[in-house]
PDB file of N, CA and C in Angstrom:
ATOM      1  N   MET A   1     -14.840  -6.129 -16.915  1.00  0.00           N
ATOM      2  CA  MET A   1     -14.123  -5.324 -15.932  1.00  0.00           C
ATOM      3  C   MET A   1     -12.623  -5.381 -16.224  1.00  0.00           C
ATOM      4  N   ASP A   2     -11.966  -4.272 -15.955  1.00  0.00           N
ATOM      5  CA  ASP A   2     -10.540  -4.216 -16.254  1.00  0.00           C
ATOM      6  C   ASP A   2      -9.692  -4.646 -15.057  1.00  0.00           C
ATOM      7  N   THR A   3      -8.410  -4.713 -15.294  1.00  0.00           N
ATOM      8  CA  THR A   3      -7.454  -5.146 -14.276  1.00  0.00           C
ATOM      9  C   THR A   3      -7.454  -4.231 -13.064  1.00  0.00           C
ATOM     10  N   HIS A   4      -7.672  -2.944 -13.272  1.00  0.00           N
ATOM     11  CA  HIS A   4      -7.643  -1.983 -12.170  1.00  0.00           C
ATOM     12  C   HIS A   4      -8.728  -2.280 -11.136  1.00  0.00           C
ATOM     13  N   PHE A   5      -9.857  -2.805 -11.596  1.00  0.00           N
ATOM     14  CA  PHE A   5     -10.927  -3.180 -10.664  1.00  0.00           C
ATOM     15  C   PHE A   5     -10.419  -4.237  -9.689  1.00  0.00           C
ATOM     16  N   PHE A   6      -9.734  -5.256 -10.212  1.00  0.00           N
ATOM     17  CA  PHE A   6      -9.248  -6.345  -9.360  1.00  0.00           C
ATOM     18  C   PHE A   6      -8.076  -5.901  -8.482  1.00  0.00           C
ATOM     19  N   ILE A   7      -7.260  -4.987  -8.976  1.00  0.00           N
ATOM     20  CA  ILE A   7      -6.189  -4.418  -8.144  1.00  0.00           C
ATOM     21  C   ILE A   7      -6.807  -3.653  -6.982  1.00  0.00           C
ATOM     22  N   SER A   8      -7.833  -2.871  -7.264  1.00  0.00           N
ATOM     23  CA  SER A   8      -8.519  -2.123  -6.204  1.00  0.00           C
ATOM     24  C   SER A   8      -9.175  -3.061  -5.205  1.00  0.00           C
ATOM     25  N   LEU A   9      -9.822  -4.096  -5.716  1.00  0.00           N
ATOM     26  CA  LEU A   9     -10.473  -5.071  -4.847  1.00  0.00           C
ATOM     27  C   LEU A   9      -9.460  -5.745  -3.925  1.00  0.00           C
ATOM     28  N   PHE A  10      -8.310  -6.125  -4.462  1.00  0.00           N
ATOM     29  CA  PHE A  10      -7.244  -6.730  -3.662  1.00  0.00           C
ATOM     30  C   PHE A  10      -6.781  -5.783  -2.555  1.00  0.00           C
ATOM     31  N   HIS A  11      -6.587  -4.515  -2.894  1.00  0.00           N
ATOM     32  CA  HIS A  11      -6.148  -3.551  -1.888  1.00  0.00           C
ATOM     33  C   HIS A  11      -7.209  -3.366  -0.795  1.00  0.00           C
ATOM     34  N   ILE A  12      -8.476  -3.326  -1.187  1.00  0.00           N
ATOM     35  CA  ILE A  12      -9.551  -3.123  -0.212  1.00  0.00           C
ATOM     36  C   ILE A  12      -9.731  -4.345   0.687  1.00  0.00           C
ATOM     37  N   ILE A  13      -9.622  -5.529   0.125  1.00  0.00           N
ATOM     38  CA  ILE A  13      -9.871  -6.759   0.887  1.00  0.00           C
ATOM     39  C   ILE A  13      -8.655  -7.207   1.699  1.00  0.00           C
ATOM     40  N   ALA A  14      -7.448  -7.035   1.157  1.00  0.00           N
ATOM     41  CA  ALA A  14      -6.260  -7.580   1.819  1.00  0.00           C
ATOM     42  C   ALA A  14      -5.312  -6.527   2.392  1.00  0.00           C
ATOM     43  N   VAL A  15      -4.933  -5.552   1.586  1.00  0.00           N
ATOM     44  CA  VAL A  15      -3.891  -4.609   2.001  1.00  0.00           C
ATOM     45  C   VAL A  15      -4.382  -3.671   3.101  1.00  0.00           C
ATOM     46  N   VAL A  16      -5.532  -3.041   2.874  1.00  0.00           N
ATOM     47  CA  VAL A  16      -6.039  -2.077   3.857  1.00  0.00           C
ATOM     48  C   VAL A  16      -6.280  -2.727   5.221  1.00  0.00           C
ATOM     49  N   PRO A  17      -6.973  -3.871   5.307  1.00  0.00           N
ATOM     50  CA  PRO A  17      -7.160  -4.492   6.629  1.00  0.00           C
ATOM     51  C   PRO A  17      -5.837  -4.863   7.310  1.00  0.00           C
ATOM     52  N   PHE A  18      -4.859  -5.327   6.519  1.00  0.00           N
ATOM     53  CA  PHE A  18      -3.561  -5.677   7.104  1.00  0.00           C
ATOM     54  C   PHE A  18      -2.863  -4.446   7.662  1.00  0.00           C
ATOM     55  N   PHE A  19      -2.845  -3.364   6.889  1.00  0.00           N
ATOM     56  CA  PHE A  19      -2.228  -2.126   7.365  1.00  0.00           C
ATOM     57  C   PHE A  19      -2.916  -1.615   8.631  1.00  0.00           C
ATOM     58  N   LEU A  20      -4.237  -1.609   8.628  1.00  0.00           N
ATOM     59  CA  LEU A  20      -4.962  -1.096   9.793  1.00  0.00           C
ATOM     60  C   LEU A  20      -4.818  -2.016  10.997  1.00  0.00           C
ATOM     61  N   PHE A  21      -4.738  -3.309  10.764  1.00  0.00           N
ATOM     62  CA  PHE A  21      -4.501  -4.265  11.858  1.00  0.00           C
ATOM     63  C   PHE A  21      -3.189  -3.945  12.565  1.00  0.00           C
ATOM     64  N   VAL A  22      -2.116  -3.808  11.786  1.00  0.00           N
ATOM     65  CA  VAL A  22      -0.802  -3.503  12.378  1.00  0.00           C
ATOM     66  C   VAL A  22      -0.808  -2.115  13.007  1.00  0.00           C
ATOM     67  N   ALA A  23      -1.425  -1.155  12.346  1.00  0.00           N
ATOM     68  CA  ALA A  23      -1.432   0.220  12.858  1.00  0.00           C
ATOM     69  C   ALA A  23      -2.182   0.328  14.181  1.00  0.00           C
ATOM     70  N   PHE A  24      -3.284  -0.398  14.321  1.00  0.00           N
ATOM     71  CA  PHE A  24      -4.079  -0.305  15.551  1.00  0.00           C
ATOM     72  C   PHE A  24      -3.559  -1.201  16.675  1.00  0.00           C
ATOM     73  N   LYS A  25      -2.959  -2.343  16.321  1.00  0.00           N
ATOM     74  CA  LYS A  25      -2.411  -3.239  17.353  1.00  0.00           C
ATOM     75  C   LYS A  25      -1.099  -2.698  17.915  1.00  0.00           C
ATOM     76  N   ARG A  26      -0.373  -1.962  17.092  1.00  0.00           N
ATOM     77  CA  ARG A  26       0.924  -1.375  17.451  1.00  0.00           C
ATOM     78  C   ARG A  26       1.856  -2.376  18.113  1.00  0.00           C
ATOM     79  N   ALA A  27       2.267  -2.132  19.330  1.00  0.00           N
ATOM     80  CA  ALA A  27       3.264  -2.980  19.995  1.00  0.00           C
ATOM     81  C   ALA A  27       2.751  -4.394  20.269  1.00  0.00           C
ATOM     82  N   SER A  28       1.452  -4.593  20.264  1.00  0.00           N
ATOM     83  CA  SER A  28       0.934  -5.944  20.496  1.00  0.00           C
ATOM     84  C   SER A  28       0.694  -6.710  19.193  1.00  0.00           C
ATOM     85  N   THR A  29       1.233  -6.196  18.100  1.00  0.00           N
ATOM     86  CA  THR A  29       1.158  -6.896  16.821  1.00  0.00           C
ATOM     87  C   THR A  29       1.960  -8.193  16.925  1.00  0.00           C
ATOM     88  N   PRO A  30       1.405  -9.310  16.452  1.00  0.00           N
ATOM     89  CA  PRO A  30       2.149 -10.574  16.513  1.00  0.00           C
ATOM     90  C   PRO A  30       3.392 -10.559  15.612  1.00  0.00           C
ATOM     91  N   ASP A  31       4.365 -11.371  15.981  1.00  0.00           N
ATOM     92  CA  ASP A  31       5.629 -11.415  15.236  1.00  0.00           C
ATOM     93  C   ASP A  31       5.446 -11.797  13.768  1.00  0.00           C
ATOM     94  N   TRP A  32       4.505 -12.691  13.476  1.00  0.00           N
ATOM     95  CA  TRP A  32       4.285 -13.115  12.089  1.00  0.00           C
ATOM     96  C   TRP A  32       3.879 -11.925  11.211  1.00  0.00           C
ATOM     97  N   ALA A  33       3.147 -10.969  11.800  1.00  0.00           N
ATOM     98  CA  ALA A  33       2.705  -9.803  11.026  1.00  0.00           C
ATOM     99  C   ALA A  33       3.887  -8.904  10.686  1.00  0.00           C
ATOM    100  N   TYR A  34       4.842  -8.781  11.611  1.00  0.00           N
ATOM    101  CA  TYR A  34       6.038  -7.985  11.315  1.00  0.00           C
ATOM    102  C   TYR A  34       6.874  -8.644  10.220  1.00  0.00           C
ATOM    103  N   LEU A  35       6.991  -9.970  10.280  1.00  0.00           N
ATOM    104  CA  LEU A  35       7.734 -10.685   9.246  1.00  0.00           C
ATOM    105  C   LEU A  35       7.047 -10.533   7.885  1.00  0.00           C
ATOM    106  N   LEU A  36       5.735 -10.679   7.872  1.00  0.00           N
ATOM    107  CA  LEU A  36       4.972 -10.500   6.641  1.00  0.00           C
ATOM    108  C   LEU A  36       5.119  -9.074   6.105  1.00  0.00           C
ATOM    109  N   MET A  37       5.086  -8.103   7.008  1.00  0.00           N
ATOM    110  CA  MET A  37       5.248  -6.699   6.625  1.00  0.00           C
ATOM    111  C   MET A  37       6.616  -6.485   5.968  1.00  0.00           C
ATOM    112  N   LEU A  38       7.663  -7.073   6.539  1.00  0.00           N
ATOM    113  CA  LEU A  38       9.016  -6.934   5.998  1.00  0.00           C
ATOM    114  C   LEU A  38       9.133  -7.582   4.618  1.00  0.00           C
ATOM    115  N   VAL A  39       8.673  -8.812   4.502  1.00  0.00           N
ATOM    116  CA  VAL A  39       8.784  -9.536   3.227  1.00  0.00           C
ATOM    117  C   VAL A  39       7.971  -8.833   2.142  1.00  0.00           C
ATOM    118  N   LEU A  40       6.741  -8.475   2.445  1.00  0.00           N
ATOM    119  CA  LEU A  40       5.909  -7.787   1.462  1.00  0.00           C
ATOM    120  C   LEU A  40       6.463  -6.412   1.109  1.00  0.00           C
ATOM    121  N   GLY A  41       7.070  -5.739   2.079  1.00  0.00           N
ATOM    122  CA  GLY A  41       7.684  -4.432   1.816  1.00  0.00           C
ATOM    123  C   GLY A  41       8.810  -4.522   0.804  1.00  0.00           C
ATOM    124  N   VAL A  42       9.640  -5.543   0.942  1.00  0.00           N
ATOM    125  CA  VAL A  42      10.737  -5.752  -0.015  1.00  0.00           C
ATOM    126  C   VAL A  42      10.161  -6.058  -1.398  1.00  0.00           C
ATOM    127  N   ILE A  43       9.134  -6.913  -1.450  1.00  0.00           N
ATOM    128  CA  ILE A  43       8.500  -7.252  -2.726  1.00  0.00           C
ATOM    129  C   ILE A  43       7.874  -6.011  -3.370  1.00  0.00           C
ATOM    130  N   VAL A  44       7.202  -5.203  -2.564  1.00  0.00           N
ATOM    131  CA  VAL A  44       6.569  -3.976  -3.073  1.00  0.00           C
ATOM    132  C   VAL A  44       7.615  -3.041  -3.678  1.00  0.00           C
ATOM    133  N   VAL A  45       8.716  -2.839  -2.994  1.00  0.00           N
ATOM    134  CA  VAL A  45       9.763  -1.945  -3.502  1.00  0.00           C
ATOM    135  C   VAL A  45      10.335  -2.480  -4.811  1.00  0.00           C
ATOM    136  N   LEU A  46      10.679  -3.758  -4.840  1.00  0.00           N
ATOM    137  CA  LEU A  46      11.285  -4.319  -6.049  1.00  0.00           C
ATOM    138  C   LEU A  46      10.315  -4.320  -7.229  1.00  0.00           C
ATOM    139  N   TYR A  47       9.084  -4.737  -6.999  1.00  0.00           N
ATOM    140  CA  TYR A  47       8.093  -4.785  -8.074  1.00  0.00           C
ATOM    141  C   TYR A  47       7.810  -3.391  -8.632  1.00  0.00           C
ATOM    142  N   HIS A  48       7.569  -2.443  -7.731  1.00  0.00           N
ATOM    143  CA  HIS A  48       7.218  -1.103  -8.193  1.00  0.00           C
ATOM    144  C   HIS A  48       8.424  -0.345  -8.748  1.00  0.00           C
ATOM    145  N   LEU A  49       9.616  -0.705  -8.328  1.00  0.00           N
ATOM    146  CA  LEU A  49      10.819  -0.116  -8.925  1.00  0.00           C
ATOM    147  C   LEU A  49      10.913  -0.541 -10.389  1.00  0.00           C
ATOM    148  N   MET A  50      10.650  -1.811 -10.635  1.00  0.00           N
ATOM    149  CA  MET A  50      10.654  -2.315 -12.012  1.00  0.00           C
ATOM    150  C   MET A  50       9.567  -1.619 -12.847  1.00  0.00           C
ATOM    151  N   LYS A  51       8.368  -1.488 -12.271  1.00  0.00           N
ATOM    152  CA  LYS A  51       7.276  -0.822 -12.978  1.00  0.00           C
ATOM    153  C   LYS A  51       7.581   0.664 -13.185  1.00  0.00           C
ATOM    154  N   THR A  52       8.275   1.287 -12.246  1.00  0.00           N
ATOM    155  CA  THR A  52       8.645   2.698 -12.362  1.00  0.00           C
ATOM    156  C   THR A  52       9.530   2.917 -13.579  1.00  0.00           C
ATOM    157  N   VAL A  53      10.527   2.071 -13.738  1.00  0.00           N
ATOM    158  CA  VAL A  53      11.439   2.196 -14.886  1.00  0.00           C
ATOM    159  C   VAL A  53      10.661   2.011 -16.181  1.00  0.00           C
ATOM    160  N   ARG A  54       9.808   0.999 -16.237  1.00  0.00           N
ATOM    161  CA  ARG A  54       9.029   0.737 -17.444  1.00  0.00           C
ATOM    162  C   ARG A  54       8.102   1.910 -17.771  1.00  0.00           C
ATOM    163  N   ARG A  55       7.434   2.422 -16.752  1.00  0.00           N
ATOM    164  CA  ARG A  55       6.495   3.528 -16.988  1.00  0.00           C
ATOM    165  C   ARG A  55       7.212   4.832 -17.314  1.00  0.00           C
ATOM    166  N   PHE A  56       8.395   5.011 -16.763  1.00  0.00           N
ATOM    167  CA  PHE A  56       9.173   6.209 -17.079  1.00  0.00           C
ATOM    168  C   PHE A  56       9.500   6.253 -18.564  1.00  0.00           C
ATOM    169  N   TYR A  57       9.980   5.135 -19.089  1.00  0.00           N
ATOM    170  CA  TYR A  57      10.370   5.099 -20.498  1.00  0.00           C
ATOM    171  C   TYR A  57       9.181   5.072 -21.453  1.00  0.00           C
ATOM    172  N   SER A  58       8.023   4.641 -20.974  1.00  0.00           N
ATOM    173  CA  SER A  58       6.846   4.643 -21.846  1.00  0.00           C
ATOM    174  C   SER A  58       6.077   5.960 -21.761  1.00  0.00           C
ATOM    175  N   GLY A  59       6.455   6.821 -20.817  1.00  0.00           N
ATOM    176  CA  GLY A  59       5.786   8.111 -20.673  1.00  0.00           C
ATOM    177  C   GLY A  59       4.403   8.006 -20.043  1.00  0.00           C
ATOM    178  N   SER A  60       4.200   7.023 -19.195  1.00  0.00           N
ATOM    179  CA  SER A  60       2.899   6.785 -18.571  1.00  0.00           C
ATOM    180  C   SER A  60       2.527   7.896 -17.590  1.00  0.00           C
ATOM    181  N   HIS A  61       1.237   8.198 -17.546  1.00  0.00           N
ATOM    182  CA  HIS A  61       0.731   9.189 -16.592  1.00  0.00           C
ATOM    183  C   HIS A  61       0.578   8.598 -15.189  1.00  0.00           C
ATOM    184  N   TYR A  62       0.734   7.290 -15.063  1.00  0.00           N
ATOM    185  CA  TYR A  62       0.576   6.622 -13.766  1.00  0.00           C
ATOM    186  C   TYR A  62       1.907   6.342 -13.080  1.00  0.00           C
ATOM    187  N   LEU A  63       2.965   6.979 -13.523  1.00  0.00           N
ATOM    188  CA  LEU A  63       4.285   6.824 -12.913  1.00  0.00           C
ATOM    189  C   LEU A  63       4.248   7.168 -11.422  1.00  0.00           C
ATOM    190  N   TRP A  64       3.432   8.145 -11.056  1.00  0.00           N
ATOM    191  CA  TRP A  64       3.354   8.601  -9.668  1.00  0.00           C
ATOM    192  C   TRP A  64       2.911   7.486  -8.719  1.00  0.00           C
ATOM    193  N   VAL A  65       2.075   6.576  -9.203  1.00  0.00           N
ATOM    194  CA  VAL A  65       1.598   5.475  -8.354  1.00  0.00           C
ATOM    195  C   VAL A  65       2.764   4.588  -7.945  1.00  0.00           C
ATOM    196  N   ASN A  66       3.600   4.258  -8.913  1.00  0.00           N
ATOM    197  CA  ASN A  66       4.749   3.406  -8.621  1.00  0.00           C
ATOM    198  C   ASN A  66       5.785   4.128  -7.766  1.00  0.00           C
ATOM    199  N   LEU A  67       5.997   5.411  -8.038  1.00  0.00           N
ATOM    200  CA  LEU A  67       6.933   6.179  -7.211  1.00  0.00           C
ATOM    201  C   LEU A  67       6.460   6.255  -5.762  1.00  0.00           C
ATOM    202  N   LEU A  68       5.169   6.399  -5.558  1.00  0.00           N
ATOM    203  CA  LEU A  68       4.618   6.428  -4.200  1.00  0.00           C
ATOM    204  C   LEU A  68       4.909   5.115  -3.476  1.00  0.00           C
ATOM    205  N   HIS A  69       4.765   4.008  -4.176  1.00  0.00           N
ATOM    206  CA  HIS A  69       5.038   2.706  -3.571  1.00  0.00           C
ATOM    207  C   HIS A  69       6.531   2.518  -3.285  1.00  0.00           C
ATOM    208  N   VAL A  70       7.394   3.001  -4.203  1.00  0.00           N
ATOM    209  CA  VAL A  70       8.838   2.839  -4.038  1.00  0.00           C
ATOM    210  C   VAL A  70       9.391   3.753  -2.951  1.00  0.00           C
ATOM    211  N   LEU A  71       8.863   4.968  -2.857  1.00  0.00           N
ATOM    212  CA  LEU A  71       9.436   5.963  -1.944  1.00  0.00           C
ATOM    213  C   LEU A  71       8.753   6.044  -0.585  1.00  0.00           C
ATOM    214  N   VAL A  72       7.487   5.619  -0.485  1.00  0.00           N
ATOM    215  CA  VAL A  72       6.759   5.755   0.783  1.00  0.00           C
ATOM    216  C   VAL A  72       6.265   4.415   1.324  1.00  0.00           C
ATOM    217  N   VAL A  73       5.414   3.742   0.563  1.00  0.00           N
ATOM    218  CA  VAL A  73       4.729   2.546   1.079  1.00  0.00           C
ATOM    219  C   VAL A  73       5.712   1.416   1.388  1.00  0.00           C
ATOM    220  N   GLY A  74       6.509   1.031   0.409  1.00  0.00           N
ATOM    221  CA  GLY A  74       7.463  -0.061   0.615  1.00  0.00           C
ATOM    222  C   GLY A  74       8.461   0.211   1.735  1.00  0.00           C
ATOM    223  N   PRO A  75       9.149   1.355   1.709  1.00  0.00           N
ATOM    224  CA  PRO A  75      10.093   1.632   2.790  1.00  0.00           C
ATOM    225  C   PRO A  75       9.434   1.677   4.180  1.00  0.00           C
ATOM    226  N   LEU A  76       8.208   2.182   4.263  1.00  0.00           N
ATOM    227  CA  LEU A  76       7.501   2.188   5.549  1.00  0.00           C
ATOM    228  C   LEU A  76       7.254   0.759   6.022  1.00  0.00           C
ATOM    229  N   MET A  77       6.858  -0.108   5.104  1.00  0.00           N
ATOM    230  CA  MET A  77       6.625  -1.509   5.462  1.00  0.00           C
ATOM    231  C   MET A  77       7.924  -2.182   5.924  1.00  0.00           C
ATOM    232  N   VAL A  78       9.012  -1.938   5.206  1.00  0.00           N
ATOM    233  CA  VAL A  78      10.306  -2.518   5.584  1.00  0.00           C
ATOM    234  C   VAL A  78      10.751  -1.972   6.938  1.00  0.00           C
ATOM    235  N   TYR A  79      10.580  -0.689   7.150  1.00  0.00           N
ATOM    236  CA  TYR A  79      10.969  -0.061   8.420  1.00  0.00           C
ATOM    237  C   TYR A  79      10.216  -0.682   9.597  1.00  0.00           C
ATOM    238  N   ILE A  80       8.905  -0.769   9.486  1.00  0.00           N
ATOM    239  CA  ILE A  80       8.105  -1.344  10.574  1.00  0.00           C
ATOM    240  C   ILE A  80       8.436  -2.817  10.744  1.00  0.00           C
ATOM    241  N   GLY A  81       8.626  -3.529   9.634  1.00  0.00           N
ATOM    242  CA  GLY A  81       8.948  -4.951   9.711  1.00  0.00           C
ATOM    243  C   GLY A  81      10.280  -5.238  10.372  1.00  0.00           C
ATOM    244  N   THR A  82      11.255  -4.357  10.194  1.00  0.00           N
ATOM    245  CA  THR A  82      12.568  -4.578  10.812  1.00  0.00           C
ATOM    246  C   THR A  82      12.621  -4.081  12.246  1.00  0.00           C
ATOM    247  N   LYS A  83      11.950  -2.989  12.545  1.00  0.00           N
ATOM    248  CA  LYS A  83      11.971  -2.434  13.903  1.00  0.00           C
ATOM    249  C   LYS A  83      11.125  -3.260  14.877  1.00  0.00           C
ATOM    250  N   LYS A  84      10.053  -3.831  14.388  1.00  0.00           N
ATOM    251  CA  LYS A  84       9.109  -4.632  15.165  1.00  0.00           C
ATOM    252  C   LYS A  84       8.540  -3.826  16.337  1.00  0.00           C
ATOM    253  N   SER A  85       7.968  -4.511  17.289  1.00  0.00           N
ATOM    254  CA  SER A  85       7.249  -3.832  18.369  1.00  0.00           C
ATOM    255  C   SER A  85       8.159  -3.023  19.284  1.00  0.00           C
ATOM    256  N   ALA A  86       9.380  -3.460  19.474  1.00  0.00           N
ATOM    257  CA  ALA A  86      10.280  -2.780  20.411  1.00  0.00           C
ATOM    258  C   ALA A  86      10.807  -1.459  19.868  1.00  0.00           C
ATOM    259  N   GLY A  87      10.962  -1.347  18.553  1.00  0.00           N
ATOM    260  CA  GLY A  87      11.620  -0.160  18.035  1.00  0.00           C
ATOM    261  C   GLY A  87      10.801   0.723  17.126  1.00  0.00           C
ATOM    262  N   THR A  88       9.583   0.325  16.793  1.00  0.00           N
ATOM    263  CA  THR A  88       8.780   1.137  15.880  1.00  0.00           C
ATOM    264  C   THR A  88       8.150   2.300  16.629  1.00  0.00           C
ATOM    265  N   PRO A  89       8.448   3.528  16.213  1.00  0.00           N
ATOM    266  CA  PRO A  89       7.848   4.688  16.887  1.00  0.00           C
ATOM    267  C   PRO A  89       6.365   4.835  16.532  1.00  0.00           C
ATOM    268  N   ARG A  90       5.659   5.518  17.390  1.00  0.00           N
ATOM    269  CA  ARG A  90       4.226   5.746  17.199  1.00  0.00           C
ATOM    270  C   ARG A  90       3.935   6.399  15.849  1.00  0.00           C
ATOM    271  N   ALA A  91       4.786   7.316  15.431  1.00  0.00           N
ATOM    272  CA  ALA A  91       4.573   8.030  14.168  1.00  0.00           C
ATOM    273  C   ALA A  91       4.528   7.071  12.980  1.00  0.00           C
ATOM    274  N   ALA A  92       5.324   6.010  13.005  1.00  0.00           N
ATOM    275  CA  ALA A  92       5.320   5.045  11.894  1.00  0.00           C
ATOM    276  C   ALA A  92       3.990   4.311  11.826  1.00  0.00           C
ATOM    277  N   TYR A  93       3.452   3.937  12.993  1.00  0.00           N
ATOM    278  CA  TYR A  93       2.142   3.275  13.014  1.00  0.00           C
ATOM    279  C   TYR A  93       1.049   4.226  12.520  1.00  0.00           C
ATOM    280  N   GLU A  94       1.135   5.468  12.914  1.00  0.00           N
ATOM    281  CA  GLU A  94       0.131   6.442  12.479  1.00  0.00           C
ATOM    282  C   GLU A  94       0.231   6.714  10.979  1.00  0.00           C
ATOM    283  N   LEU A  95       1.450   6.758  10.456  1.00  0.00           N
ATOM    284  CA  LEU A  95       1.630   6.919   9.018  1.00  0.00           C
ATOM    285  C   LEU A  95       1.079   5.705   8.274  1.00  0.00           C
ATOM    286  N   LEU A  96       1.272   4.508   8.829  1.00  0.00           N
ATOM    287  CA  LEU A  96       0.719   3.299   8.228  1.00  0.00           C
ATOM    288  C   LEU A  96      -0.809   3.361   8.197  1.00  0.00           C
ATOM    289  N   ALA A  97      -1.420   3.856   9.266  1.00  0.00           N
ATOM    290  CA  ALA A  97      -2.879   4.015   9.285  1.00  0.00           C
ATOM    291  C   ALA A  97      -3.322   5.024   8.227  1.00  0.00           C
ATOM    292  N   MET A  98      -2.601   6.134   8.109  1.00  0.00           N
ATOM    293  CA  MET A  98      -2.952   7.137   7.099  1.00  0.00           C
ATOM    294  C   MET A  98      -2.834   6.562   5.692  1.00  0.00           C
ATOM    295  N   VAL A  99      -1.780   5.801   5.438  1.00  0.00           N
ATOM    296  CA  VAL A  99      -1.609   5.171   4.129  1.00  0.00           C
ATOM    297  C   VAL A  99      -2.736   4.166   3.887  1.00  0.00           C
ATOM    298  N   GLY A 100      -3.114   3.426   4.921  1.00  0.00           N
ATOM    299  CA  GLY A 100      -4.209   2.464   4.792  1.00  0.00           C
ATOM    300  C   GLY A 100      -5.526   3.138   4.455  1.00  0.00           C
ATOM    301  N   PHE A 101      -5.853   4.212   5.168  1.00  0.00           N
ATOM    302  CA  PHE A 101      -7.104   4.928   4.889  1.00  0.00           C
ATOM    303  C   PHE A 101      -7.065   5.621   3.519  1.00  0.00           C
ATOM    304  N   ALA A 102      -5.899   6.135   3.144  1.00  0.00           N
ATOM    305  CA  ALA A 102      -5.767   6.750   1.819  1.00  0.00           C
ATOM    306  C   ALA A 102      -5.953   5.700   0.724  1.00  0.00           C
ATOM    307  N   ALA A 103      -5.387   4.523   0.929  1.00  0.00           N
ATOM    308  CA  ALA A 103      -5.550   3.433  -0.045  1.00  0.00           C
ATOM    309  C   ALA A 103      -7.010   3.018  -0.147  1.00  0.00           C
ATOM    310  N   LEU A 104      -7.695   2.965   0.981  1.00  0.00           N
ATOM    311  CA  LEU A 104      -9.119   2.615   0.969  1.00  0.00           C
ATOM    312  C   LEU A 104      -9.914   3.629   0.154  1.00  0.00           C
ATOM    313  N   GLY A 105      -9.712   4.896   0.411  1.00  0.00           N
ATOM    314  CA  GLY A 105     -10.426   5.936  -0.319  1.00  0.00           C
ATOM    315  C   GLY A 105     -10.100   5.934  -1.801  1.00  0.00           C
ATOM    316  N   TYR A 106      -8.822   5.837  -2.125  1.00  0.00           N
ATOM    317  CA  TYR A 106      -8.400   5.865  -3.526  1.00  0.00           C
ATOM    318  C   TYR A 106      -8.966   4.670  -4.292  1.00  0.00           C
ATOM    319  N   HIS A 107      -8.881   3.488  -3.691  1.00  0.00           N
ATOM    320  CA  HIS A 107      -9.316   2.282  -4.397  1.00  0.00           C
ATOM    321  C   HIS A 107     -10.837   2.157  -4.449  1.00  0.00           C
ATOM    322  N   LEU A 108     -11.541   2.671  -3.466  1.00  0.00           N
ATOM    323  CA  LEU A 108     -13.006   2.720  -3.574  1.00  0.00           C
ATOM    324  C   LEU A 108     -13.417   3.646  -4.716  1.00  0.00           C
ATOM    325  N   TYR A 109     -12.779   4.785  -4.797  1.00  0.00           N
ATOM    326  CA  TYR A 109     -13.039   5.733  -5.887  1.00  0.00           C
ATOM    327  C   TYR A 109     -12.730   5.095  -7.236  1.00  0.00           C
ATOM    328  N   SER A 110     -11.607   4.398  -7.305  1.00  0.00           N
ATOM    329  CA  SER A 110     -11.208   3.742  -8.542  1.00  0.00           C
ATOM    330  C   SER A 110     -12.213   2.664  -8.949  1.00  0.00           C
ATOM    331  N   MET A 111     -12.727   1.918  -7.981  1.00  0.00           N
ATOM    332  CA  MET A 111     -13.720   0.882  -8.282  1.00  0.00           C
ATOM    333  C   MET A 111     -15.017   1.491  -8.794  1.00  0.00           C
ATOM    334  N   VAL A 112     -15.444   2.563  -8.163  1.00  0.00           N
ATOM    335  CA  VAL A 112     -16.672   3.229  -8.613  1.00  0.00           C
ATOM    336  C   VAL A 112     -16.501   3.716 -10.048  1.00  0.00           C
ATOM    337  N   GLN A 113     -15.354   4.278 -10.362  1.00  0.00           N
ATOM    338  CA  GLN A 113     -15.091   4.739 -11.724  1.00  0.00           C
ATOM    339  C   GLN A 113     -15.057   3.579 -12.717  1.00  0.00           C
ATOM    340  N   SER A 114     -14.414   2.478 -12.333  1.00  0.00           N
ATOM    341  CA  SER A 114     -14.290   1.358 -13.270  1.00  0.00           C
ATOM    342  C   SER A 114     -15.628   0.668 -13.493  1.00  0.00           C
ATOM    343  N   LEU A 115     -16.502   0.704 -12.502  1.00  0.00           N
ATOM    344  CA  LEU A 115     -17.846   0.122 -12.674  1.00  0.00           C
ATOM    345  C   LEU A 115     -18.777   1.063 -13.387  1.00  0.00           C
ATOM    346  N   GLN A 116     -18.359   2.297 -13.559  1.00  0.00           N
ATOM    347  CA  GLN A 116     -19.148   3.354 -14.209  1.00  0.00           C
ATOM    348  C   GLN A 116     -20.520   3.519 -13.519  1.00  0.00           C
ATOM    349  N   ILE A 117     -20.480   3.470 -12.189  1.00  0.00           N
ATOM    350  CA  ILE A 117     -21.698   3.665 -11.405  1.00  0.00           C
ATOM    351  C   ILE A 117     -22.083   5.137 -11.417  1.00  0.00           C
ATOM    352  N   VAL A 118     -21.087   5.993 -11.332  1.00  0.00           N
ATOM    353  CA  VAL A 118     -21.312   7.433 -11.325  1.00  0.00           C
ATOM    354  C   VAL A 118     -20.772   7.998 -12.634  1.00  0.00           C
ATOM    355  N   ARG A 119     -21.565   8.751 -13.309  1.00  0.00           N
ATOM    356  CA  ARG A 119     -21.127   9.367 -14.560  1.00  0.00           C
ATOM    357  C   ARG A 119     -20.469  10.699 -14.259  1.00  0.00           C
ATOM    358  N   VAL A 120     -19.221  10.835 -14.677  1.00  0.00           N
ATOM    359  CA  VAL A 120     -18.471  12.064 -14.465  1.00  0.00           C
ATOM    360  C   VAL A 120     -18.264  12.728 -15.813  1.00  0.00           C
ATOM    361  N   ASP A 121     -18.783  13.938 -15.950  1.00  0.00           N
ATOM    362  CA  ASP A 121     -18.630  14.680 -17.219  1.00  0.00           C
ATOM    363  C   ASP A 121     -17.637  15.794 -17.068  1.00  0.00           C
TER     364      ASP A 121
END
């Protein structure tokens, strides 16, 4: 199995449940979750910014994945983490839920492809 399988597995097991937990709990989300959201958001932006530069210069077709993390996912996490329960608008929680469900669908699809369960011609 390749690295993408384990990246997908990590997103399905850890990232998606965390995003949906915060999105559904909204204002009753515990403070530790907001702090974790902020710290991970900063890490996501920095890591994917570095990968974006590398993929840009190598001409990778997966540049869009890193740009999505740098421009949407990371900043959303930082925004929710800094605003916390008192200042986060409903739209941010709903966007987090949409990103969580999109990640679930994308990574399930990616896992099925990497396991070659379904043959696509």
